[in-house]
Amino acid sequence: MSVTLTEKAANEVKKVITEQNMPEDVVLRVGVQGGGCSGFAYSLGFDTTTTERDRVAEFFGVKMAVDKKFDPYLDGTVVDFYDGLEKRGFVFNNPNVVKSCGCGSSFQV
């Protein structure tokens, strides 16, 4: 799989799934969309369906789906969860990024 999930991020995803009473077959869907100040932005959400175009893997009890079309943008990316005094949320450690902006969610490859 081109994208991996850390244990800390997986624990946070499981917490959200439980708190929002989502179905057992839910998957974390990771992707890329056009936009942001650097050209692309990460997308993160939940889905109950997958297709043959998806790469599906399980990390620490969380199923994650990534459409194969995002491989050139996300290959080697690690999704982590940061919980600090100044901010809290999911972070994408993407080795393909050549430029990003100050917001941390917009990038170029």
PDB file of N, CA and C in Angstrom:
ATOM      1  N   MET A   1       0.848  -1.192   0.000  1.00  0.00           N
ATOM      2  CA  MET A   1       0.000   0.000   0.000  1.00  0.00           C
ATOM      3  C   MET A   1       0.877   1.233   0.000  1.00  0.00           C
ATOM      4  N   SER A   2       0.447   2.236  -0.697  1.00  0.00           N
ATOM      5  CA  SER A   2       1.220   3.461  -0.822  1.00  0.00           C
ATOM      6  C   SER A   2       1.121   4.356   0.404  1.00  0.00           C
ATOM      7  N   VAL A   3       0.104   4.157   1.236  1.00  0.00           N
ATOM      8  CA  VAL A   3      -0.117   4.994   2.412  1.00  0.00           C
ATOM      9  C   VAL A   3      -0.202   4.091   3.633  1.00  0.00           C
ATOM     10  N   THR A   4       0.411   4.528   4.744  1.00  0.00           N
ATOM     11  CA  THR A   4       0.315   3.779   5.991  1.00  0.00           C
ATOM     12  C   THR A   4      -0.247   4.677   7.087  1.00  0.00           C
ATOM     13  N   LEU A   5      -0.710   4.040   8.143  1.00  0.00           N
ATOM     14  CA  LEU A   5      -1.336   4.719   9.267  1.00  0.00           C
ATOM     15  C   LEU A   5      -0.573   4.352  10.523  1.00  0.00           C
ATOM     16  N   THR A   6      -0.198   5.350  11.335  1.00  0.00           N
ATOM     17  CA  THR A   6       0.503   5.048  12.576  1.00  0.00           C
ATOM     18  C   THR A   6      -0.482   4.525  13.619  1.00  0.00           C
ATOM     19  N   GLU A   7       0.049   3.916  14.643  1.00  0.00           N
ATOM     20  CA  GLU A   7      -0.807   3.391  15.708  1.00  0.00           C
ATOM     21  C   GLU A   7      -1.561   4.520  16.412  1.00  0.00           C
ATOM     22  N   LYS A   8      -0.901   5.633  16.606  1.00  0.00           N
ATOM     23  CA  LYS A   8      -1.558   6.781  17.252  1.00  0.00           C
ATOM     24  C   LYS A   8      -2.728   7.289  16.409  1.00  0.00           C
ATOM     25  N   ALA A   9      -2.532   7.372  15.100  1.00  0.00           N
ATOM     26  CA  ALA A   9      -3.615   7.813  14.205  1.00  0.00           C
ATOM     27  C   ALA A   9      -4.738   6.787  14.185  1.00  0.00           C
ATOM     28  N   ALA A  10      -4.387   5.508  14.158  1.00  0.00           N
ATOM     29  CA  ALA A  10      -5.401   4.455  14.153  1.00  0.00           C
ATOM     30  C   ALA A  10      -6.252   4.510  15.412  1.00  0.00           C
ATOM     31  N   ASN A  11      -5.631   4.748  16.544  1.00  0.00           N
ATOM     32  CA  ASN A  11      -6.382   4.851  17.796  1.00  0.00           C
ATOM     33  C   ASN A  11      -7.358   6.023  17.760  1.00  0.00           C
ATOM     34  N   GLU A  12      -6.949   7.122  17.167  1.00  0.00           N
ATOM     35  CA  GLU A  12      -7.835   8.286  17.062  1.00  0.00           C
ATOM     36  C   GLU A  12      -8.992   7.994  16.104  1.00  0.00           C
ATOM     37  N   VAL A  13      -8.716   7.300  15.010  1.00  0.00           N
ATOM     38  CA  VAL A  13      -9.769   6.927  14.061  1.00  0.00           C
ATOM     39  C   VAL A  13     -10.778   6.011  14.743  1.00  0.00           C
ATOM     40  N   LYS A  14     -10.292   5.021  15.486  1.00  0.00           N
ATOM     41  CA  LYS A  14     -11.196   4.103  16.195  1.00  0.00           C
ATOM     42  C   LYS A  14     -12.061   4.858  17.199  1.00  0.00           C
ATOM     43  N   LYS A  15     -11.481   5.852  17.841  1.00  0.00           N
ATOM     44  CA  LYS A  15     -12.226   6.673  18.806  1.00  0.00           C
ATOM     45  C   LYS A  15     -13.364   7.419  18.108  1.00  0.00           C
ATOM     46  N   VAL A  16     -13.083   8.001  16.946  1.00  0.00           N
ATOM     47  CA  VAL A  16     -14.104   8.729  16.175  1.00  0.00           C
ATOM     48  C   VAL A  16     -15.202   7.766  15.714  1.00  0.00           C
ATOM     49  N   ILE A  17     -14.808   6.595  15.219  1.00  0.00           N
ATOM     50  CA  ILE A  17     -15.786   5.600  14.756  1.00  0.00           C
ATOM     51  C   ILE A  17     -16.725   5.207  15.889  1.00  0.00           C
ATOM     52  N   THR A  18     -16.167   4.979  17.063  1.00  0.00           N
ATOM     53  CA  THR A  18     -16.976   4.597  18.224  1.00  0.00           C
ATOM     54  C   THR A  18     -17.883   5.741  18.662  1.00  0.00           C
ATOM     55  N   GLU A  19     -17.313   6.945  18.786  1.00  0.00           N
ATOM     56  CA  GLU A  19     -18.093   8.101  19.241  1.00  0.00           C
ATOM     57  C   GLU A  19     -19.244   8.435  18.298  1.00  0.00           C
ATOM     58  N   GLN A  20     -19.028   8.236  17.000  1.00  0.00           N
ATOM     59  CA  GLN A  20     -20.067   8.567  16.025  1.00  0.00           C
ATOM     60  C   GLN A  20     -20.914   7.355  15.646  1.00  0.00           C
ATOM     61  N   ASN A  21     -20.701   6.244  16.358  1.00  0.00           N
ATOM     62  CA  ASN A  21     -21.516   5.045  16.177  1.00  0.00           C
ATOM     63  C   ASN A  21     -21.603   4.610  14.714  1.00  0.00           C
ATOM     64  N   MET A  22     -20.445   4.565  14.054  1.00  0.00           N
ATOM     65  CA  MET A  22     -20.383   4.179  12.642  1.00  0.00           C
ATOM     66  C   MET A  22     -20.492   2.665  12.495  1.00  0.00           C
ATOM     67  N   PRO A  23     -20.913   2.190  11.317  1.00  0.00           N
ATOM     68  CA  PRO A  23     -21.033   0.739  11.109  1.00  0.00           C
ATOM     69  C   PRO A  23     -19.677   0.036  11.151  1.00  0.00           C
ATOM     70  N   GLU A  24     -19.703  -1.254  11.436  1.00  0.00           N
ATOM     71  CA  GLU A  24     -18.472  -2.038  11.559  1.00  0.00           C
ATOM     72  C   GLU A  24     -17.672  -2.109  10.263  1.00  0.00           C
ATOM     73  N   ASP A  25     -18.334  -1.998   9.112  1.00  0.00           N
ATOM     74  CA  ASP A  25     -17.634  -2.135   7.831  1.00  0.00           C
ATOM     75  C   ASP A  25     -17.065  -0.817   7.306  1.00  0.00           C
ATOM     76  N   VAL A  26     -17.053   0.219   8.126  1.00  0.00           N
ATOM     77  CA  VAL A  26     -16.559   1.520   7.681  1.00  0.00           C
ATOM     78  C   VAL A  26     -15.043   1.461   7.445  1.00  0.00           C
ATOM     79  N   VAL A  27     -14.598   2.191   6.417  1.00  0.00           N
ATOM     80  CA  VAL A  27     -13.166   2.301   6.131  1.00  0.00           C
ATOM     81  C   VAL A  27     -12.767   3.775   6.157  1.00  0.00           C
ATOM     82  N   LEU A  28     -11.535   4.006   6.513  1.00  0.00           N
ATOM     83  CA  LEU A  28     -10.973   5.352   6.440  1.00  0.00           C
ATOM     84  C   LEU A  28     -10.528   5.551   5.006  1.00  0.00           C
ATOM     85  N   ARG A  29     -11.033   6.582   4.352  1.00  0.00           N
ATOM     86  CA  ARG A  29     -10.673   6.848   2.953  1.00  0.00           C
ATOM     87  C   ARG A  29      -9.722   8.039   2.915  1.00  0.00           C
ATOM     88  N   VAL A  30      -8.539   7.794   2.327  1.00  0.00           N
ATOM     89  CA  VAL A  30      -7.510   8.819   2.189  1.00  0.00           C
ATOM     90  C   VAL A  30      -7.372   9.157   0.714  1.00  0.00           C
ATOM     91  N   GLY A  31      -7.253  10.440   0.404  1.00  0.00           N
ATOM     92  CA  GLY A  31      -7.122  10.835  -0.988  1.00  0.00           C
ATOM     93  C   GLY A  31      -6.523  12.214  -1.146  1.00  0.00           C
ATOM     94  N   VAL A  32      -6.614  12.711  -2.365  1.00  0.00           N
ATOM     95  CA  VAL A  32      -6.093  14.019  -2.735  1.00  0.00           C
ATOM     96  C   VAL A  32      -7.165  14.723  -3.539  1.00  0.00           C
ATOM     97  N   GLN A  33      -7.294  16.018  -3.335  1.00  0.00           N
ATOM     98  CA  GLN A  33      -8.205  16.816  -4.143  1.00  0.00           C
ATOM     99  C   GLN A  33      -7.484  18.086  -4.578  1.00  0.00           C
ATOM    100  N   GLY A  34      -7.919  18.630  -5.680  1.00  0.00           N
ATOM    101  CA  GLY A  34      -7.342  19.874  -6.154  1.00  0.00           C
ATOM    102  C   GLY A  34      -7.752  21.010  -5.242  1.00  0.00           C
ATOM    103  N   GLY A  35      -6.845  21.944  -5.043  1.00  0.00           N
ATOM    104  CA  GLY A  35      -7.176  23.094  -4.214  1.00  0.00           C
ATOM    105  C   GLY A  35      -6.068  23.427  -3.248  1.00  0.00           C
ATOM    106  N   GLY A  36      -6.356  24.350  -2.389  1.00  0.00           N
ATOM    107  CA  GLY A  36      -5.354  24.803  -1.437  1.00  0.00           C
ATOM    108  C   GLY A  36      -4.399  25.771  -2.103  1.00  0.00           C
ATOM    109  N   CYS A  37      -3.586  26.414  -1.312  1.00  0.00           N
ATOM    110  CA  CYS A  37      -2.686  27.435  -1.851  1.00  0.00           C
ATOM    111  C   CYS A  37      -1.485  26.860  -2.596  1.00  0.00           C
ATOM    112  N   SER A  38      -1.240  25.557  -2.485  1.00  0.00           N
ATOM    113  CA  SER A  38      -0.115  24.951  -3.201  1.00  0.00           C
ATOM    114  C   SER A  38      -0.545  24.020  -4.332  1.00  0.00           C
ATOM    115  N   GLY A  39      -1.843  23.882  -4.582  1.00  0.00           N
ATOM    116  CA  GLY A  39      -2.307  23.087  -5.714  1.00  0.00           C
ATOM    117  C   GLY A  39      -3.114  21.857  -5.359  1.00  0.00           C
ATOM    118  N   PHE A  40      -2.702  21.123  -4.309  1.00  0.00           N
ATOM    119  CA  PHE A  40      -3.409  19.925  -3.880  1.00  0.00           C
ATOM    120  C   PHE A  40      -3.658  19.986  -2.383  1.00  0.00           C
ATOM    121  N   ALA A  41      -4.698  19.284  -1.947  1.00  0.00           N
ATOM    122  CA  ALA A  41      -4.997  19.166  -0.526  1.00  0.00           C
ATOM    123  C   ALA A  41      -5.338  17.707  -0.224  1.00  0.00           C
ATOM    124  N   TYR A  42      -5.019  17.272   0.970  1.00  0.00           N
ATOM    125  CA  TYR A  42      -5.343  15.911   1.381  1.00  0.00           C
ATOM    126  C   TYR A  42      -6.823  15.819   1.719  1.00  0.00           C
ATOM    127  N   SER A  43      -7.397  14.644   1.484  1.00  0.00           N
ATOM    128  CA  SER A  43      -8.769  14.397   1.917  1.00  0.00           C
ATOM    129  C   SER A  43      -8.767  13.177   2.829  1.00  0.00           C
ATOM    130  N   LEU A  44      -9.596  13.249   3.834  1.00  0.00           N
ATOM    131  CA  LEU A  44      -9.676  12.196   4.834  1.00  0.00           C
ATOM    132  C   LEU A  44     -11.131  12.083   5.241  1.00  0.00           C
ATOM    133  N   GLY A  45     -11.694  10.890   5.138  1.00  0.00           N
ATOM    134  CA  GLY A  45     -13.094  10.710   5.490  1.00  0.00           C
ATOM    135  C   GLY A  45     -13.410   9.244   5.701  1.00  0.00           C
ATOM    136  N   PHE A  46     -14.687   8.953   5.861  1.00  0.00           N
ATOM    137  CA  PHE A  46     -15.129   7.579   6.083  1.00  0.00           C
ATOM    138  C   PHE A  46     -16.016   7.140   4.936  1.00  0.00           C
ATOM    139  N   ASP A  47     -15.981   5.841   4.643  1.00  0.00           N
ATOM    140  CA  ASP A  47     -16.759   5.280   3.547  1.00  0.00           C
ATOM    141  C   ASP A  47     -17.186   3.870   3.944  1.00  0.00           C
ATOM    142  N   THR A  48     -18.263   3.404   3.354  1.00  0.00           N
ATOM    143  CA  THR A  48     -18.710   2.032   3.626  1.00  0.00           C
ATOM    144  C   THR A  48     -18.562   1.137   2.408  1.00  0.00           C
ATOM    145  N   THR A  49     -18.049   1.691   1.307  1.00  0.00           N
ATOM    146  CA  THR A  49     -17.846   0.881   0.112  1.00  0.00           C
ATOM    147  C   THR A  49     -16.424   1.053  -0.414  1.00  0.00           C
ATOM    148  N   THR A  50     -15.952   0.015  -1.081  1.00  0.00           N
ATOM    149  CA  THR A  50     -14.671   0.080  -1.778  1.00  0.00           C
ATOM    150  C   THR A  50     -14.883  -0.518  -3.165  1.00  0.00           C
ATOM    151  N   THR A  51     -13.953  -0.217  -4.081  1.00  0.00           N
ATOM    152  CA  THR A  51     -14.040  -0.748  -5.434  1.00  0.00           C
ATOM    153  C   THR A  51     -12.719  -1.432  -5.783  1.00  0.00           C
ATOM    154  N   GLU A  52     -12.677  -2.011  -6.969  1.00  0.00           N
ATOM    155  CA  GLU A  52     -11.439  -2.663  -7.422  1.00  0.00           C
ATOM    156  C   GLU A  52     -10.323  -1.650  -7.655  1.00  0.00           C
ATOM    157  N   ARG A  53     -10.664  -0.370  -7.753  1.00  0.00           N
ATOM    158  CA  ARG A  53      -9.639   0.676  -7.915  1.00  0.00           C
ATOM    159  C   ARG A  53      -8.944   1.013  -6.602  1.00  0.00           C
ATOM    160  N   ASP A  54      -9.496   0.561  -5.488  1.00  0.00           N
ATOM    161  CA  ASP A  54      -8.947   0.901  -4.172  1.00  0.00           C
ATOM    162  C   ASP A  54      -7.869  -0.066  -3.726  1.00  0.00           C
ATOM    163  N   ARG A  55      -6.894   0.477  -3.056  1.00  0.00           N
ATOM    164  CA  ARG A  55      -5.940  -0.324  -2.301  1.00  0.00           C
ATOM    165  C   ARG A  55      -6.476  -0.302  -0.868  1.00  0.00           C
ATOM    166  N   VAL A  56      -6.763  -1.474  -0.330  1.00  0.00           N
ATOM    167  CA  VAL A  56      -7.316  -1.563   1.011  1.00  0.00           C
ATOM    168  C   VAL A  56      -6.341  -2.335   1.885  1.00  0.00           C
ATOM    169  N   ALA A  57      -6.055  -1.782   3.054  1.00  0.00           N
ATOM    170  CA  ALA A  57      -5.165  -2.442   4.004  1.00  0.00           C
ATOM    171  C   ALA A  57      -5.664  -2.128   5.409  1.00  0.00           C
ATOM    172  N   GLU A  58      -5.209  -2.931   6.357  1.00  0.00           N
ATOM    173  CA  GLU A  58      -5.596  -2.709   7.743  1.00  0.00           C
ATOM    174  C   GLU A  58      -4.368  -2.357   8.561  1.00  0.00           C
ATOM    175  N   PHE A  59      -4.507  -1.323   9.384  1.00  0.00           N
ATOM    176  CA  PHE A  59      -3.428  -0.872  10.255  1.00  0.00           C
ATOM    177  C   PHE A  59      -3.979  -0.738  11.672  1.00  0.00           C
ATOM    178  N   PHE A  60      -3.467  -1.538  12.576  1.00  0.00           N
ATOM    179  CA  PHE A  60      -3.850  -1.464  13.988  1.00  0.00           C
ATOM    180  C   PHE A  60      -5.363  -1.498  14.184  1.00  0.00           C
ATOM    181  N   GLY A  61      -6.038  -2.343  13.396  1.00  0.00           N
ATOM    182  CA  GLY A  61      -7.477  -2.517  13.536  1.00  0.00           C
ATOM    183  C   GLY A  61      -8.334  -1.544  12.750  1.00  0.00           C
ATOM    184  N   VAL A  62      -7.713  -0.704  11.915  1.00  0.00           N
ATOM    185  CA  VAL A  62      -8.459   0.252  11.087  1.00  0.00           C
ATOM    186  C   VAL A  62      -8.250  -0.097   9.625  1.00  0.00           C
ATOM    187  N   LYS A  63      -9.348  -0.300   8.905  1.00  0.00           N
ATOM    188  CA  LYS A  63      -9.250  -0.529   7.460  1.00  0.00           C
ATOM    189  C   LYS A  63      -9.162   0.816   6.767  1.00  0.00           C
ATOM    190  N   MET A  64      -8.202   0.908   5.832  1.00  0.00           N
ATOM    191  CA  MET A  64      -7.985   2.149   5.104  1.00  0.00           C
ATOM    192  C   MET A  64      -8.035   1.862   3.606  1.00  0.00           C
ATOM    193  N   ALA A  65      -8.703   2.752   2.859  1.00  0.00           N
ATOM    194  CA  ALA A  65      -8.816   2.620   1.405  1.00  0.00           C
ATOM    195  C   ALA A  65      -8.225   3.850   0.733  1.00  0.00           C
ATOM    196  N   VAL A  66      -7.443   3.600  -0.314  1.00  0.00           N
ATOM    197  CA  VAL A  66      -6.855   4.675  -1.119  1.00  0.00           C
ATOM    198  C   VAL A  66      -7.037   4.302  -2.585  1.00  0.00           C
ATOM    199  N   ASP A  67      -7.661   5.176  -3.359  1.00  0.00           N
ATOM    200  CA  ASP A  67      -7.828   4.952  -4.788  1.00  0.00           C
ATOM    201  C   ASP A  67      -6.448   4.922  -5.442  1.00  0.00           C
ATOM    202  N   LYS A  68      -6.214   3.943  -6.327  1.00  0.00           N
ATOM    203  CA  LYS A  68      -4.910   3.787  -6.994  1.00  0.00           C
ATOM    204  C   LYS A  68      -4.488   5.016  -7.779  1.00  0.00           C
ATOM    205  N   LYS A  69      -5.454   5.830  -8.205  1.00  0.00           N
ATOM    206  CA  LYS A  69      -5.101   7.021  -8.985  1.00  0.00           C
ATOM    207  C   LYS A  69      -4.291   8.022  -8.168  1.00  0.00           C
ATOM    208  N   PHE A  70      -4.307   7.876  -6.841  1.00  0.00           N
ATOM    209  CA  PHE A  70      -3.555   8.794  -5.989  1.00  0.00           C
ATOM    210  C   PHE A  70      -2.137   8.318  -5.689  1.00  0.00           C
ATOM    211  N   ASP A  71      -1.758   7.144  -6.205  1.00  0.00           N
ATOM    212  CA  ASP A  71      -0.418   6.613  -5.945  1.00  0.00           C
ATOM    213  C   ASP A  71       0.710   7.603  -6.242  1.00  0.00           C
ATOM    214  N   PRO A  72       0.691   8.308  -7.385  1.00  0.00           N
ATOM    215  CA  PRO A  72       1.802   9.231  -7.660  1.00  0.00           C
ATOM    216  C   PRO A  72       1.919  10.369  -6.636  1.00  0.00           C
ATOM    217  N   TYR A  73       0.825  10.700  -5.991  1.00  0.00           N
ATOM    218  CA  TYR A  73       0.821  11.802  -5.028  1.00  0.00           C
ATOM    219  C   TYR A  73       1.087  11.347  -3.596  1.00  0.00           C
ATOM    220  N   LEU A  74       0.719  10.110  -3.284  1.00  0.00           N
ATOM    221  CA  LEU A  74       0.743   9.664  -1.899  1.00  0.00           C
ATOM    222  C   LEU A  74       1.719   8.532  -1.601  1.00  0.00           C
ATOM    223  N   ASP A  75       2.440   8.025  -2.595  1.00  0.00           N
ATOM    224  CA  ASP A  75       3.332   6.882  -2.384  1.00  0.00           C
ATOM    225  C   ASP A  75       4.307   7.160  -1.243  1.00  0.00           C
ATOM    226  N   GLY A  76       4.284   6.313  -0.227  1.00  0.00           N
ATOM    227  CA  GLY A  76       5.187   6.453   0.914  1.00  0.00           C
ATOM    228  C   GLY A  76       4.674   7.348   2.024  1.00  0.00           C
ATOM    229  N   THR A  77       3.472   7.873   1.893  1.00  0.00           N
ATOM    230  CA  THR A  77       2.917   8.786   2.889  1.00  0.00           C
ATOM    231  C   THR A  77       2.533   8.040   4.165  1.00  0.00           C
ATOM    232  N   VAL A  78       2.819   8.671   5.289  1.00  0.00           N
ATOM    233  CA  VAL A  78       2.434   8.143   6.598  1.00  0.00           C
ATOM    234  C   VAL A  78       1.447   9.125   7.217  1.00  0.00           C
ATOM    235  N   VAL A  79       0.258   8.620   7.561  1.00  0.00           N
ATOM    236  CA  VAL A  79      -0.739   9.447   8.229  1.00  0.00           C
ATOM    237  C   VAL A  79      -0.556   9.249   9.733  1.00  0.00           C
ATOM    238  N   ASP A  80      -0.342  10.344  10.434  1.00  0.00           N
ATOM    239  CA  ASP A  80      -0.098  10.308  11.869  1.00  0.00           C
ATOM    240  C   ASP A  80      -1.109  11.223  12.557  1.00  0.00           C
ATOM    241  N   PHE A  81      -1.095  11.222  13.873  1.00  0.00           N
ATOM    242  CA  PHE A  81      -1.961  12.119  14.626  1.00  0.00           C
ATOM    243  C   PHE A  81      -1.092  12.918  15.570  1.00  0.00           C
ATOM    244  N   TYR A  82      -1.249  14.236  15.523  1.00  0.00           N
ATOM    245  CA  TYR A  82      -0.465  15.135  16.373  1.00  0.00           C
ATOM    246  C   TYR A  82      -1.381  15.737  17.419  1.00  0.00           C
ATOM    247  N   ASP A  83      -0.933  15.718  18.651  1.00  0.00           N
ATOM    248  CA  ASP A  83      -1.718  16.271  19.754  1.00  0.00           C
ATOM    249  C   ASP A  83      -0.806  17.138  20.607  1.00  0.00           C
ATOM    250  N   GLY A  84      -0.713  18.411  20.230  1.00  0.00           N
ATOM    251  CA  GLY A  84       0.162  19.331  20.940  1.00  0.00           C
ATOM    252  C   GLY A  84      -0.608  20.515  21.486  1.00  0.00           C
ATOM    253  N   LEU A  85       0.097  21.397  22.149  1.00  0.00           N
ATOM    254  CA  LEU A  85      -0.541  22.577  22.724  1.00  0.00           C
ATOM    255  C   LEU A  85      -1.064  23.532  21.663  1.00  0.00           C
ATOM    256  N   GLU A  86      -0.334  23.648  20.556  1.00  0.00           N
ATOM    257  CA  GLU A  86      -0.700  24.631  19.533  1.00  0.00           C
ATOM    258  C   GLU A  86      -1.697  24.120  18.504  1.00  0.00           C
ATOM    259  N   LYS A  87      -1.783  22.783  18.340  1.00  0.00           N
ATOM    260  CA  LYS A  87      -2.745  22.229  17.397  1.00  0.00           C
ATOM    261  C   LYS A  87      -2.957  20.755  17.681  1.00  0.00           C
ATOM    262  N   ARG A  88      -4.026  20.237  17.105  1.00  0.00           N
ATOM    263  CA  ARG A  88      -4.376  18.835  17.281  1.00  0.00           C
ATOM    264  C   ARG A  88      -5.019  18.361  15.994  1.00  0.00           C
ATOM    265  N   GLY A  89      -4.558  17.232  15.457  1.00  0.00           N
ATOM    266  CA  GLY A  89      -5.184  16.711  14.251  1.00  0.00           C
ATOM    267  C   GLY A  89      -4.293  15.740  13.501  1.00  0.00           C
ATOM    268  N   PHE A  90      -4.834  15.250  12.391  1.00  0.00           N
ATOM    269  CA  PHE A  90      -4.104  14.312  11.551  1.00  0.00           C
ATOM    270  C   PHE A  90      -3.083  15.066  10.717  1.00  0.00           C
ATOM    271  N   VAL A  91      -1.914  14.466  10.567  1.00  0.00           N
ATOM    272  CA  VAL A  91      -0.848  15.050   9.760  1.00  0.00           C
ATOM    273  C   VAL A  91      -0.397  14.024   8.725  1.00  0.00           C
ATOM    274  N   PHE A  92       0.015  14.518   7.574  1.00  0.00           N
ATOM    275  CA  PHE A  92       0.464  13.678   6.473  1.00  0.00           C
ATOM    276  C   PHE A  92       1.952  13.900   6.278  1.00  0.00           C
ATOM    277  N   ASN A  93       2.731  12.861   6.476  1.00  0.00           N
ATOM    278  CA  ASN A  93       4.172  12.922   6.237  1.00  0.00           C
ATOM    279  C   ASN A  93       4.410  12.297   4.868  1.00  0.00           C
ATOM    280  N   ASN A  94       4.516  13.168   3.848  1.00  0.00           N
ATOM    281  CA  ASN A  94       4.558  12.739   2.462  1.00  0.00           C
ATOM    282  C   ASN A  94       5.936  13.031   1.866  1.00  0.00           C
ATOM    283  N   PRO A  95       6.703  11.988   1.507  1.00  0.00           N
ATOM    284  CA  PRO A  95       8.043  12.196   0.962  1.00  0.00           C
ATOM    285  C   PRO A  95       8.047  12.784  -0.453  1.00  0.00           C
ATOM    286  N   ASN A  96       6.902  12.853  -1.108  1.00  0.00           N
ATOM    287  CA  ASN A  96       6.820  13.354  -2.476  1.00  0.00           C
ATOM    288  C   ASN A  96       6.637  14.863  -2.575  1.00  0.00           C
ATOM    289  N   VAL A  97       6.389  15.502  -1.467  1.00  0.00           N
ATOM    290  CA  VAL A  97       6.096  16.934  -1.468  1.00  0.00           C
ATOM    291  C   VAL A  97       7.349  17.740  -1.782  1.00  0.00           C
ATOM    292  N   VAL A  98       7.225  18.637  -2.766  1.00  0.00           N
ATOM    293  CA  VAL A  98       8.334  19.530  -3.104  1.00  0.00           C
ATOM    294  C   VAL A  98       8.058  20.945  -2.605  1.00  0.00           C
ATOM    295  N   LYS A  99       6.797  21.236  -2.308  1.00  0.00           N
ATOM    296  CA  LYS A  99       6.433  22.556  -1.803  1.00  0.00           C
ATOM    297  C   LYS A  99       5.131  22.429  -1.021  1.00  0.00           C
ATOM    298  N   SER A 100       5.069  23.112   0.098  1.00  0.00           N
ATOM    299  CA  SER A 100       3.828  23.143   0.858  1.00  0.00           C
ATOM    300  C   SER A 100       3.664  24.558   1.426  1.00  0.00           C
ATOM    301  N   CYS A 101       2.487  24.818   1.944  1.00  0.00           N
ATOM    302  CA  CYS A 101       2.238  26.153   2.488  1.00  0.00           C
ATOM    303  C   CYS A 101       2.200  26.091   4.002  1.00  0.00           C
ATOM    304  N   GLY A 102       2.003  27.201   4.621  1.00  0.00           N
ATOM    305  CA  GLY A 102       2.009  27.293   6.071  1.00  0.00           C
ATOM    306  C   GLY A 102       0.878  26.554   6.751  1.00  0.00           C
ATOM    307  N   CYS A 103      -0.214  26.317   6.047  1.00  0.00           N
ATOM    308  CA  CYS A 103      -1.358  25.650   6.674  1.00  0.00           C
ATOM    309  C   CYS A 103      -1.088  24.174   6.924  1.00  0.00           C
ATOM    310  N   GLY A 104      -0.159  23.572   6.174  1.00  0.00           N
ATOM    311  CA  GLY A 104       0.196  22.178   6.356  1.00  0.00           C
ATOM    312  C   GLY A 104      -0.722  21.182   5.688  1.00  0.00           C
ATOM    313  N   SER A 105      -1.768  21.655   5.026  1.00  0.00           N
ATOM    314  CA  SER A 105      -2.686  20.708   4.369  1.00  0.00           C
ATOM    315  C   SER A 105      -2.698  20.869   2.858  1.00  0.00           C
ATOM    316  N   SER A 106      -1.886  21.755   2.325  1.00  0.00           N
ATOM    317  CA  SER A 106      -1.809  21.984   0.889  1.00  0.00           C
ATOM    318  C   SER A 106      -0.383  21.706   0.440  1.00  0.00           C
ATOM    319  N   PHE A 107      -0.233  21.098  -0.752  1.00  0.00           N
ATOM    320  CA  PHE A 107       1.099  20.679  -1.172  1.00  0.00           C
ATOM    321  C   PHE A 107       1.209  20.601  -2.693  1.00  0.00           C
ATOM    322  N   GLN A 108       2.469  20.479  -3.158  1.00  0.00           N
ATOM    323  CA  GLN A 108       2.786  20.204  -4.561  1.00  0.00           C
ATOM    324  C   GLN A 108       3.714  19.005  -4.595  1.00  0.00           C
ATOM    325  N   VAL A 109       3.587  18.186  -5.662  1.00  0.00           N
ATOM    326  CA  VAL A 109       4.505  17.049  -5.833  1.00  0.00           C
ATOM    327  C   VAL A 109       5.290  17.234  -7.121  1.00  0.00           C
TER     328      VAL A 109
END
